[in-house]
């Protein structure tokens, strides 16, 4: 009895470039905000006494959003250049 050859493995599907950009930039923005919120709540601010909602109000501002998105785009472009180079 001859064994059937194993089926060829399908290579994982690549994401569309726009989807990949949104996922990577979104992840960088998430890391930015989580780090900022942790610092506001625990280290720098009166988080333990005023609560998480107060810390969140101080963190989620238009200025921080602009910083997060611009730094995420710069980070994405930097890593994309490094990926292509190496």
PDB file of N, CA and C in Angstrom:
ATOM      1  N   UNK A   1       0.844  -1.171   0.000  1.00  0.00           N
ATOM      2  CA  UNK A   1       0.000   0.000   0.000  1.00  0.00           C
ATOM      3  C   UNK A   1       0.891   1.237   0.000  1.00  0.00           C
ATOM      4  N   UNK A   2       0.763   2.062  -1.014  1.00  0.00           N
ATOM      5  CA  UNK A   2       1.581   3.264  -1.140  1.00  0.00           C
ATOM      6  C   UNK A   2       0.945   4.402  -0.347  1.00  0.00           C
ATOM      7  N   UNK A   3       1.792   5.088   0.375  1.00  0.00           N
ATOM      8  CA  UNK A   3       1.292   6.224   1.161  1.00  0.00           C
ATOM      9  C   UNK A   3       1.118   7.432   0.245  1.00  0.00           C
ATOM     10  N   UNK A   4       0.063   8.141   0.463  1.00  0.00           N
ATOM     11  CA  UNK A   4      -0.146   9.374  -0.301  1.00  0.00           C
ATOM     12  C   UNK A   4       0.832  10.433   0.173  1.00  0.00           C
ATOM     13  N   UNK A   5       1.421  11.181  -0.759  1.00  0.00           N
ATOM     14  CA  UNK A   5       2.332  12.244  -0.317  1.00  0.00           C
ATOM     15  C   UNK A   5       1.550  13.308   0.443  1.00  0.00           C
ATOM     16  N   UNK A   6       2.195  13.907   1.441  1.00  0.00           N
ATOM     17  CA  UNK A   6       1.483  14.947   2.209  1.00  0.00           C
ATOM     18  C   UNK A   6       1.145  16.126   1.300  1.00  0.00           C
ATOM     19  N   UNK A   7       0.000  16.733   1.521  1.00  0.00           N
ATOM     20  CA  UNK A   7      -0.360  17.888   0.692  1.00  0.00           C
ATOM     21  C   UNK A   7       0.624  19.028   0.923  1.00  0.00           C
ATOM     22  N   UNK A   8       0.859  19.764  -0.128  1.00  0.00           N
ATOM     23  CA  UNK A   8       1.789  20.891  -0.002  1.00  0.00           C
ATOM     24  C   UNK A   8       1.214  21.920   0.960  1.00  0.00           C
ATOM     25  N   UNK A   9       2.093  22.414   1.776  1.00  0.00           N
ATOM     26  CA  UNK A   9       1.654  23.445   2.723  1.00  0.00           C
ATOM     27  C   UNK A   9       1.437  24.749   1.977  1.00  0.00           C
ATOM     28  N   UNK A  10       0.347  25.372   2.302  1.00  0.00           N
ATOM     29  CA  UNK A  10       0.097  26.683   1.719  1.00  0.00           C
ATOM     30  C   UNK A  10       0.889  27.708   2.512  1.00  0.00           C
ATOM     31  N   UNK A  11       1.508  28.615   1.791  1.00  0.00           N
ATOM     32  CA  UNK A  11       2.238  29.662   2.495  1.00  0.00           C
ATOM     33  C   UNK A  11       1.231  30.616   3.126  1.00  0.00           C
ATOM     34  N   UNK A  12       1.572  31.181   4.279  1.00  0.00           N
ATOM     35  CA  UNK A  12       0.637  32.098   4.926  1.00  0.00           C
ATOM     36  C   UNK A  12       0.328  33.282   4.016  1.00  0.00           C
ATOM     37  N   UNK A  13      -0.911  33.668   4.033  1.00  0.00           N
ATOM     38  CA  UNK A  13      -1.334  34.782   3.201  1.00  0.00           C
ATOM     39  C   UNK A  13      -0.750  36.084   3.723  1.00  0.00           C
ATOM     40  N   UNK A  14      -0.231  36.890   2.829  1.00  0.00           N
ATOM     41  CA  UNK A  14       0.310  38.183   3.237  1.00  0.00           C
ATOM     42  C   UNK A  14      -0.830  39.187   3.365  1.00  0.00           C
ATOM     43  N   UNK A  15      -0.678  40.081   4.308  1.00  0.00           N
ATOM     44  CA  UNK A  15      -1.662  41.140   4.469  1.00  0.00           C
ATOM     45  C   UNK A  15      -1.497  42.177   3.368  1.00  0.00           C
ATOM     46  N   UNK A  16      -2.562  42.824   3.050  1.00  0.00           N
ATOM     47  CA  UNK A  16      -2.482  43.934   2.117  1.00  0.00           C
ATOM     48  C   UNK A  16      -1.632  45.031   2.766  1.00  0.00           C
ATOM     49  N   UNK A  17      -0.906  45.786   1.955  1.00  0.00           N
ATOM     50  CA  UNK A  17      -0.012  46.807   2.537  1.00  0.00           C
ATOM     51  C   UNK A  17      -0.720  47.788   3.472  1.00  0.00           C
ATOM     52  N   UNK A  18      -1.927  48.205   3.123  1.00  0.00           N
ATOM     53  CA  UNK A  18      -2.643  49.163   3.974  1.00  0.00           C
ATOM     54  C   UNK A  18      -3.003  48.510   5.314  1.00  0.00           C
ATOM     55  N   UNK A  19      -3.439  47.262   5.271  1.00  0.00           N
ATOM     56  CA  UNK A  19      -3.779  46.560   6.509  1.00  0.00           C
ATOM     57  C   UNK A  19      -2.553  46.408   7.399  1.00  0.00           C
ATOM     58  N   UNK A  20      -1.424  46.068   6.800  1.00  0.00           N
ATOM     59  CA  UNK A  20      -0.196  45.902   7.574  1.00  0.00           C
ATOM     60  C   UNK A  20       0.231  47.219   8.212  1.00  0.00           C
ATOM     61  N   UNK A  21       0.141  48.297   7.446  1.00  0.00           N
ATOM     62  CA  UNK A  21       0.505  49.613   7.986  1.00  0.00           C
ATOM     63  C   UNK A  21      -0.398  49.966   9.161  1.00  0.00           C
ATOM     64  N   UNK A  22      -1.709  49.776   9.006  1.00  0.00           N
ATOM     65  CA  UNK A  22      -2.643  50.118  10.080  1.00  0.00           C
ATOM     66  C   UNK A  22      -2.395  49.273  11.333  1.00  0.00           C
ATOM     67  N   UNK A  23      -2.110  47.999  11.141  1.00  0.00           N
ATOM     68  CA  UNK A  23      -1.858  47.131  12.296  1.00  0.00           C
ATOM     69  C   UNK A  23      -0.570  47.541  13.012  1.00  0.00           C
ATOM     70  N   UNK A  24       0.491  47.771  12.264  1.00  0.00           N
ATOM     71  CA  UNK A  24       1.768  48.112  12.899  1.00  0.00           C
ATOM     72  C   UNK A  24       1.734  49.494  13.552  1.00  0.00           C
ATOM     73  N   UNK A  25       1.153  50.475  12.869  1.00  0.00           N
ATOM     74  CA  UNK A  25       1.063  51.816  13.453  1.00  0.00           C
ATOM     75  C   UNK A  25       0.129  51.784  14.660  1.00  0.00           C
ATOM     76  N   UNK A  26      -0.970  51.057  14.562  1.00  0.00           N
ATOM     77  CA  UNK A  26      -1.892  50.937  15.695  1.00  0.00           C
ATOM     78  C   UNK A  26      -1.233  50.303  16.907  1.00  0.00           C
ATOM     79  N   UNK A  27      -0.379  49.318  16.663  1.00  0.00           N
ATOM     80  CA  UNK A  27       0.324  48.675  17.777  1.00  0.00           C
ATOM     81  C   UNK A  27       1.299  49.645  18.430  1.00  0.00           C
ATOM     82  N   UNK A  28       1.991  50.432  17.637  1.00  0.00           N
ATOM     83  CA  UNK A  28       2.921  51.417  18.203  1.00  0.00           C
ATOM     84  C   UNK A  28       2.162  52.462  19.009  1.00  0.00           C
ATOM     85  N   UNK A  29       1.007  52.907  18.500  1.00  0.00           N
ATOM     86  CA  UNK A  29       0.185  53.885  19.233  1.00  0.00           C
ATOM     87  C   UNK A  29      -0.315  53.263  20.544  1.00  0.00           C
ATOM     88  N   UNK A  30      -0.717  51.995  20.485  1.00  0.00           N
ATOM     89  CA  UNK A  30      -1.143  51.302  21.706  1.00  0.00           C
ATOM     90  C   UNK A  30      -0.025  51.270  22.745  1.00  0.00           C
ATOM     91  N   UNK A  31       1.181  50.940  22.316  1.00  0.00           N
ATOM     92  CA  UNK A  31       2.302  50.910  23.252  1.00  0.00           C
ATOM     93  C   UNK A  31       2.593  52.291  23.826  1.00  0.00           C
ATOM     94  N   UNK A  32       2.490  53.319  22.990  1.00  0.00           N
ATOM     95  CA  UNK A  32       2.709  54.689  23.451  1.00  0.00           C
ATOM     96  C   UNK A  32       1.713  55.051  24.553  1.00  0.00           C
ATOM     97  N   UNK A  33       0.425  54.812  24.273  1.00  0.00           N
ATOM     98  CA  UNK A  33      -0.596  55.182  25.249  1.00  0.00           C
ATOM     99  C   UNK A  33      -0.531  54.325  26.514  1.00  0.00           C
ATOM    100  N   UNK A  34      -0.229  53.053  26.376  1.00  0.00           N
ATOM    101  CA  UNK A  34      -0.152  52.224  27.582  1.00  0.00           C
ATOM    102  C   UNK A  34       1.019  52.660  28.460  1.00  0.00           C
ATOM    103  N   UNK A  35       2.130  53.015  27.839  1.00  0.00           N
ATOM    104  CA  UNK A  35       3.277  53.500  28.601  1.00  0.00           C
ATOM    105  C   UNK A  35       2.959  54.845  29.257  1.00  0.00           C
ATOM    106  N   UNK A  36       2.320  55.726  28.514  1.00  0.00           N
ATOM    107  CA  UNK A  36       1.964  57.044  29.044  1.00  0.00           C
ATOM    108  C   UNK A  36       0.959  56.929  30.193  1.00  0.00           C
ATOM    109  N   UNK A  37      -0.024  56.065  30.030  1.00  0.00           N
ATOM    110  CA  UNK A  37      -1.028  55.887  31.075  1.00  0.00           C
ATOM    111  C   UNK A  37      -0.417  55.273  32.331  1.00  0.00           C
ATOM    112  N   UNK A  38       0.464  54.311  32.141  1.00  0.00           N
ATOM    113  CA  UNK A  38       1.115  53.701  33.300  1.00  0.00           C
ATOM    114  C   UNK A  38       1.947  54.734  34.050  1.00  0.00           C
ATOM    115  N   UNK A  39       2.674  55.564  33.312  1.00  0.00           N
ATOM    116  CA  UNK A  39       3.472  56.604  33.960  1.00  0.00           C
ATOM    117  C   UNK A  39       2.614  57.630  34.663  1.00  0.00           C
ATOM    118  N   UNK A  40       1.495  58.001  34.057  1.00  0.00           N
ATOM    119  CA  UNK A  40       0.600  58.989  34.661  1.00  0.00           C
ATOM    120  C   UNK A  40      -0.076  58.428  35.905  1.00  0.00           C
ATOM    121  N   UNK A  41      -0.459  57.187  35.831  1.00  0.00           N
ATOM    122  CA  UNK A  41      -1.205  56.594  36.946  1.00  0.00           C
ATOM    123  C   UNK A  41      -0.312  56.230  38.122  1.00  0.00           C
ATOM    124  N   UNK A  42       0.845  55.670  37.837  1.00  0.00           N
ATOM    125  CA  UNK A  42       1.662  55.123  38.922  1.00  0.00           C
ATOM    126  C   UNK A  42       2.769  56.071  39.358  1.00  0.00           C
ATOM    127  N   UNK A  43       3.549  56.569  38.417  1.00  0.00           N
ATOM    128  CA  UNK A  43       4.780  57.260  38.767  1.00  0.00           C
ATOM    129  C   UNK A  43       4.577  58.760  38.962  1.00  0.00           C
ATOM    130  N   UNK A  44       4.129  59.456  37.913  1.00  0.00           N
ATOM    131  CA  UNK A  44       4.174  60.915  37.923  1.00  0.00           C
ATOM    132  C   UNK A  44       2.948  61.559  38.540  1.00  0.00           C
ATOM    133  N   UNK A  45       1.815  60.981  38.332  1.00  0.00           N
ATOM    134  CA  UNK A  45       0.590  61.660  38.732  1.00  0.00           C
ATOM    135  C   UNK A  45       0.003  61.146  40.026  1.00  0.00           C
ATOM    136  N   UNK A  46      -1.076  61.792  40.414  1.00  0.00           N
ATOM    137  CA  UNK A  46      -1.781  61.364  41.631  1.00  0.00           C
ATOM    138  C   UNK A  46      -2.788  60.264  41.311  1.00  0.00           C
ATOM    139  N   UNK A  47      -2.391  59.289  40.482  1.00  0.00           N
ATOM    140  CA  UNK A  47      -3.292  58.233  40.035  1.00  0.00           C
ATOM    141  C   UNK A  47      -3.918  57.420  41.145  1.00  0.00           C
ATOM    142  N   UNK A  48      -3.121  56.926  42.082  1.00  0.00           N
ATOM    143  CA  UNK A  48      -3.723  56.096  43.127  1.00  0.00           C
ATOM    144  C   UNK A  48      -4.778  56.827  43.962  1.00  0.00           C
ATOM    145  N   UNK A  49      -4.614  58.114  44.152  1.00  0.00           N
ATOM    146  CA  UNK A  49      -5.601  58.819  44.980  1.00  0.00           C
ATOM    147  C   UNK A  49      -6.793  59.309  44.154  1.00  0.00           C
ATOM    148  N   UNK A  50      -6.580  59.694  42.882  1.00  0.00           N
ATOM    149  CA  UNK A  50      -7.678  60.218  42.070  1.00  0.00           C
ATOM    150  C   UNK A  50      -8.311  59.180  41.154  1.00  0.00           C
ATOM    151  N   UNK A  51      -7.630  58.090  40.888  1.00  0.00           N
ATOM    152  CA  UNK A  51      -8.220  57.014  40.109  1.00  0.00           C
ATOM    153  C   UNK A  51      -7.751  56.964  38.661  1.00  0.00           C
ATOM    154  N   UNK A  52      -8.090  55.853  38.046  1.00  0.00           N
ATOM    155  CA  UNK A  52      -7.677  55.586  36.675  1.00  0.00           C
ATOM    156  C   UNK A  52      -8.367  56.519  35.679  1.00  0.00           C
ATOM    157  N   UNK A  53      -9.615  56.868  35.925  1.00  0.00           N
ATOM    158  CA  UNK A  53     -10.339  57.744  35.000  1.00  0.00           C
ATOM    159  C   UNK A  53      -9.685  59.127  34.928  1.00  0.00           C
ATOM    160  N   UNK A  54      -9.242  59.633  36.044  1.00  0.00           N
ATOM    161  CA  UNK A  54      -8.553  60.927  36.055  1.00  0.00           C
ATOM    162  C   UNK A  54      -7.245  60.853  35.276  1.00  0.00           C
ATOM    163  N   UNK A  55      -6.510  59.774  35.456  1.00  0.00           N
ATOM    164  CA  UNK A  55      -5.259  59.600  34.719  1.00  0.00           C
ATOM    165  C   UNK A  55      -5.531  59.479  33.229  1.00  0.00           C
ATOM    166  N   UNK A  56      -6.596  58.766  32.849  1.00  0.00           N
ATOM    167  CA  UNK A  56      -6.942  58.602  31.433  1.00  0.00           C
ATOM    168  C   UNK A  56      -7.314  59.940  30.800  1.00  0.00           C
ATOM    169  N   UNK A  57      -8.012  60.789  31.538  1.00  0.00           N
ATOM    170  CA  UNK A  57      -8.360  62.122  31.006  1.00  0.00           C
ATOM    171  C   UNK A  57      -7.117  62.954  30.725  1.00  0.00           C
ATOM    172  N   UNK A  58      -6.085  62.802  31.548  1.00  0.00           N
ATOM    173  CA  UNK A  58      -4.844  63.541  31.337  1.00  0.00           C
ATOM    174  C   UNK A  58      -4.037  62.991  30.175  1.00  0.00           C
ATOM    175  N   UNK A  59      -4.212  61.715  29.861  1.00  0.00           N
ATOM    176  CA  UNK A  59      -3.398  61.058  28.841  1.00  0.00           C
ATOM    177  C   UNK A  59      -4.003  61.192  27.450  1.00  0.00           C
ATOM    178  N   UNK A  60      -5.310  60.972  27.319  1.00  0.00           N
ATOM    179  CA  UNK A  60      -5.957  60.964  26.007  1.00  0.00           C
ATOM    180  C   UNK A  60      -6.341  62.381  25.596  1.00  0.00           C
ATOM    181  N   UNK A  61      -5.345  63.100  25.066  1.00  0.00           N
ATOM    182  CA  UNK A  61      -5.556  64.467  24.594  1.00  0.00           C
ATOM    183  C   UNK A  61      -5.178  64.549  23.117  1.00  0.00           C
ATOM    184  N   UNK A  62      -5.563  65.644  22.480  1.00  0.00           N
ATOM    185  CA  UNK A  62      -5.235  65.828  21.063  1.00  0.00           C
ATOM    186  C   UNK A  62      -3.724  65.911  20.841  1.00  0.00           C
ATOM    187  N   UNK A  63      -3.049  66.580  21.751  1.00  0.00           N
ATOM    188  CA  UNK A  63      -1.593  66.716  21.608  1.00  0.00           C
ATOM    189  C   UNK A  63      -0.915  65.343  21.698  1.00  0.00           C
ATOM    190  N   UNK A  64      -1.338  64.529  22.648  1.00  0.00           N
ATOM    191  CA  UNK A  64      -0.748  63.196  22.772  1.00  0.00           C
ATOM    192  C   UNK A  64      -1.084  62.328  21.570  1.00  0.00           C
ATOM    193  N   UNK A  65      -2.286  62.490  21.006  1.00  0.00           N
ATOM    194  CA  UNK A  65      -2.641  61.731  19.814  1.00  0.00           C
ATOM    195  C   UNK A  65      -1.747  62.120  18.640  1.00  0.00           C
ATOM    196  N   UNK A  66      -1.497  63.408  18.480  1.00  0.00           N
ATOM    197  CA  UNK A  66      -0.616  63.862  17.403  1.00  0.00           C
ATOM    198  C   UNK A  66       0.796  63.314  17.581  1.00  0.00           C
ATOM    199  N   UNK A  67       1.281  63.328  18.803  1.00  0.00           N
ATOM    200  CA  UNK A  67       2.615  62.789  19.087  1.00  0.00           C
ATOM    201  C   UNK A  67       2.638  61.285  18.819  1.00  0.00           C
ATOM    202  N   UNK A  68       1.615  60.577  19.253  1.00  0.00           N
ATOM    203  CA  UNK A  68       1.566  59.129  19.083  1.00  0.00           C
ATOM    204  C   UNK A  68       1.536  58.739  17.614  1.00  0.00           C
ATOM    205  N   UNK A  69       0.703  59.394  16.827  1.00  0.00           N
ATOM    206  CA  UNK A  69       0.577  59.033  15.413  1.00  0.00           C
ATOM    207  C   UNK A  69       1.847  59.408  14.652  1.00  0.00           C
ATOM    208  N   UNK A  70       2.389  60.583  14.920  1.00  0.00           N
ATOM    209  CA  UNK A  70       3.597  60.985  14.191  1.00  0.00           C
ATOM    210  C   UNK A  70       4.785  60.092  14.560  1.00  0.00           C
ATOM    211  N   UNK A  71       4.934  59.774  15.832  1.00  0.00           N
ATOM    212  CA  UNK A  71       6.049  58.892  16.218  1.00  0.00           C
ATOM    213  C   UNK A  71       5.827  57.477  15.708  1.00  0.00           C
ATOM    214  N   UNK A  72       4.585  57.026  15.630  1.00  0.00           N
ATOM    215  CA  UNK A  72       4.298  55.694  15.091  1.00  0.00           C
ATOM    216  C   UNK A  72       4.631  55.633  13.604  1.00  0.00           C
ATOM    217  N   UNK A  73       4.295  56.676  12.869  1.00  0.00           N
ATOM    218  CA  UNK A  73       4.628  56.703  11.439  1.00  0.00           C
ATOM    219  C   UNK A  73       6.132  56.754  11.223  1.00  0.00           C
ATOM    220  N   UNK A  74       6.828  57.540  12.020  1.00  0.00           N
ATOM    221  CA  UNK A  74       8.290  57.603  11.912  1.00  0.00           C
ATOM    222  C   UNK A  74       8.894  56.238  12.246  1.00  0.00           C
ATOM    223  N   UNK A  75       8.393  55.609  13.296  1.00  0.00           N
ATOM    224  CA  UNK A  75       8.884  54.282  13.664  1.00  0.00           C
ATOM    225  C   UNK A  75       8.598  53.256  12.587  1.00  0.00           C
ATOM    226  N   UNK A  76       7.405  53.301  12.008  1.00  0.00           N
ATOM    227  CA  UNK A  76       7.062  52.360  10.943  1.00  0.00           C
ATOM    228  C   UNK A  76       7.973  52.546   9.741  1.00  0.00           C
ATOM    229  N   UNK A  77       8.171  53.789   9.327  1.00  0.00           N
ATOM    230  CA  UNK A  77       9.028  54.052   8.163  1.00  0.00           C
ATOM    231  C   UNK A  77      10.473  53.639   8.422  1.00  0.00           C
ATOM    232  N   UNK A  78      10.953  53.865   9.632  1.00  0.00           N
ATOM    233  CA  UNK A  78      12.320  53.465   9.984  1.00  0.00           C
ATOM    234  C   UNK A  78      12.481  51.956   9.894  1.00  0.00           C
ATOM    235  N   UNK A  79      11.555  51.220  10.500  1.00  0.00           N
ATOM    236  CA  UNK A  79      11.662  49.757  10.461  1.00  0.00           C
ATOM    237  C   UNK A  79      11.431  49.203   9.065  1.00  0.00           C
ATOM    238  N   UNK A  80      10.602  49.865   8.285  1.00  0.00           N
ATOM    239  CA  UNK A  80      10.388  49.420   6.906  1.00  0.00           C
ATOM    240  C   UNK A  80      11.668  49.584   6.086  1.00  0.00           C
ATOM    241  N   UNK A  81      12.369  50.683   6.278  1.00  0.00           N
ATOM    242  CA  UNK A  81      13.655  50.878   5.593  1.00  0.00           C
ATOM    243  C   UNK A  81      14.670  49.834   6.034  1.00  0.00           C
ATOM    244  N   UNK A  82      14.700  49.533   7.338  1.00  0.00           N
ATOM    245  CA  UNK A  82      15.626  48.520   7.846  1.00  0.00           C
ATOM    246  C   UNK A  82      15.292  47.131   7.306  1.00  0.00           C
ATOM    247  N   UNK A  83      13.996  46.828   7.169  1.00  0.00           N
ATOM    248  CA  UNK A  83      13.590  45.535   6.620  1.00  0.00           C
ATOM    249  C   UNK A  83      14.052  45.379   5.177  1.00  0.00           C
ATOM    250  N   UNK A  84      13.934  46.453   4.412  1.00  0.00           N
ATOM    251  CA  UNK A  84      14.332  46.385   2.999  1.00  0.00           C
ATOM    252  C   UNK A  84      15.844  46.338   2.845  1.00  0.00           C
ATOM    253  N   UNK A  85      16.543  46.997   3.741  1.00  0.00           N
ATOM    254  CA  UNK A  85      18.001  47.055   3.640  1.00  0.00           C
ATOM    255  C   UNK A  85      18.645  45.746   4.066  1.00  0.00           C
ATOM    256  N   UNK A  86      18.172  45.152   5.140  1.00  0.00           N
ATOM    257  CA  UNK A  86      18.805  43.939   5.653  1.00  0.00           C
ATOM    258  C   UNK A  86      17.919  42.791   5.362  1.00  0.00           C
TER     259      UNK A  86
END
